[in-house]
Every structure is written in structure tokens, then in C-alpha cells.
């Protein structure tokens, strides 16, 4: 999805207010151990459908989380890249991709809405396309670090997707 996530964030908050929802500004719930059901945002990316479903189900409290992309995200990826065992050409390619991401510093990269109902957490999650590209690059780095760990060598830290 290529929409402006900063504008979308404002639209979501306006819709929540107009819809009479109580908004709880919380952390991402993607890694919560509670049983969760994820909205099919690929086929139904309109947050209004999710919130309308929440309202019809009787949910009044919506947990709202947004993530802003920070220079530290890139710097951490570059540090891990240096520790990776990737071939030099592959390192250069990933390093170039990470440096291109500096253009997105300060932008909203992920939006998440969730609510609890009958012991389950219902989650709507959207990520900017460029952020997905960033996460793919970080995954490549982490895979090489994990491979090194399997060989008995030291493993690097892990980058959080939250």
C-alpha cells in the first residue's frame, strides 16, 4: 500500500472520534501471547470496515498504535550488516537499500488497530510498502546472523519488527 500513512493516521483518529470509540494509545499487540485474529488487510485494506465490524460486535475500546520510522532503525540494520557473514557484493546491495530508507525518517511506517472481545484480540495492521522493503532487508541480514549462530559462531542482536 503506497498511501501516505501520516494522513491515514489522522483519518483513522478522526473516524474513531466520530464513531464514538474510546481510543487507547498503546503499544503494538502483534507479539502478544493472547489468541489473536488478524484482519485480511491485503484484500480489505479499508480500516473503516474493521472499525465498523468492531462497533457491530460491541467493542467500544480500540487500541491504536502507530510507528514512526527512525534513523536508529537504519543504524541498527547497518551495524548488524557489518557483523553479518554475507558476501561483500550482497552487503553493498543491502547497505544501498538501507541508505535509501533515510528519505523516510520521521514518516509513519505502520498503523495498528486492535480490540478485545470474548478472550480474543482482533488486529488490523498496515505497513507502508517501503517499510516492508526495509524489513525484508533486515530479515536478510538476520538470516545470515542466524546461520552463523547455527555454525557455532556468535550471533548478533535481533531487530524488532514492532
Foldseek 3Di string as FASTA:
>chain_A
DADQVVVVLVVVVVCLVVVQAAEAADEDCPPPPFAEDEDPCVVVVDVVVVVVVCVVLPFRYKHKYWDFAAPVLLVVLLVLLVVFPDDPVLSVVLNVLSVVCVVRGGGTFKIKIWTDDPRYIYIYIDGHPSVVVNVVSSVVSQVRQVVCVVVVDDHDDHDDPD
